[in-house]
Structure formats: structure tokens, C-alpha cells
Amino acid sequence: MKNRTGILFPFIIPALLILTLLCGCKKSDNDKTPEGTGNTVTDVDGNVYPTVTIGGQVWMAANLRTTHYRNHQPVTPVSDSAQWAGLTTPGYCMYSNDAALAAVYGYLYNWYAVTDTNNLAPSGWHVPTDADWVALENALGSTAGGAMKTTGTTQWNSPNTGATNSSGFSGIPGGDRSYNGSYHYMGQYACWWSTTENTTATAWEHVAKYNSSSILRMNYSKNLGLSVRCVKDIPLHHPF
């Protein structure tokens, strides 16, 4: 039977089906998931991090452990305590110089590293500002610390007050490195940098504690070594 144009339906339908299948099977080299979309993001060293969406922001759900900026320039490793003390240039370290701990808890970076113009975060991401952290905590409410901490006392010291990890942020207590080069608070505190300066000598950090369900907002010396989380850039939407 012919339609009004004189084309035979029995022949056109199978032909369209075959064409659709052929087109659907082939992908171009550019048909790849962009970095930072989906459930993971990969840094320049090839480390893969899970991600989580909280209150409209997309965050890494693990601490940063890159040794290079996004342009492949190396971040300076500083293991010596005397060298770390008073450092006013970018540097990173492993807690107690222990690679096994770094594999779990990530690296500790000073503020000069997280604000370096070479960019510590993967492309399309950034180290959070103080406002980014405040937005995250406001989205989670007065018990944000509990919602952001992993549960149990394997990593966190007892009592790990209020820990539910209901946000999926999976905060772990990586401790810090003091301005004098000594290491403190693993198991007790998760300390994360913001890029926001407070004074010429200090900057804002946000801290989850083993004995609290809240988050502390504190300002400390820029040469402390703290953990880093990254947050995805918000794309600009143009009206044209």
C-alpha cells in the first residue's frame, strides 16, 4: 500500500531502523564525559575523587592529594620541620612524612599553595573560598559537622559526636601541620583551607571535630599545613 507521496512504507521503516542503529553505535573521539561531571573528578596526577552535590554545590568527597598544579608545575614538597617553619612560599607535605597516611587522608598544603596562580584544583574546579564553605554549612544546618563526618571510630577518635555522613561529604580527620613543622590532631580534627585571607598573616579555615557536631570557622597562620577539598566552578549563564 502506498501513502500519498507514493513511497512504500514496508521499505522505508526497516531502512530507518538500520540507519538509527548504525548511528547509535558509533561515537566520535570527542564524545567523552568531561572532567568533573558525573560521579568523579580526576586531578592532573591521575588521582580520582568521588564527588557529591550538596545544596547546589558539587564537592570532592575526598581530600586532595595532588603533587602538581593543573598546568603540571610541581608543588614543592617540604618534609623538614625547620624548612617548613616560617615558610611563605607554596609547599605541601604528608602527615608525619608517612606515605601510607597520605594515601588515606590526602596531603597537607599551606595557604600559599592553595592560592597559587598555577591552580591546585583540577580544571573546572577551585579551592573553596570562605563563602563557599559557609554556603555548604548553611545548607546542612547547625549539625553540619555531623553530616559531613564519616561514621564510627576507626578514623575518628571517640566519641565522634553526631557523625552521620548524611551529606556524603565523607570528612576524615587528617590533622594539621603547625607553623613550627610539627604534626597534630590526626583522629581529632579535619581542617580544610579556604582561599580567603583574614589578615596579611592569617586566612580562614573550617574545622570538623571528633567531639562536636558543628563546624568551626577559624583563622590561623597561612603557613599551617591543612587538608584541601575542591568545589566545582559554577558556570556563567549569559542571557544571549
Foldseek 3Di string as FASTA:
>chain_A
DADPVRDDPVPPVVVVVVVVVVVVVDDDPPPDDDAPPDQWHAAPVGDIFGWAAFLNWIWTLAWAADQAFQVRHGFAEDQDLQCLAPDPAKYKAAAVNDVVLCVHHNIWIFLNNQPPPSARDHPQKHFAAPVVVVSRQVSVPFLQLQLQEDDDQPFAPPPQPNHDVVRSSHFGQRFKADSSGHTDTGNFKAKEFHNAADDPFKGWIWMRGSHGSGIDIDIDGRSMTHITMMIGDDDDDDPD
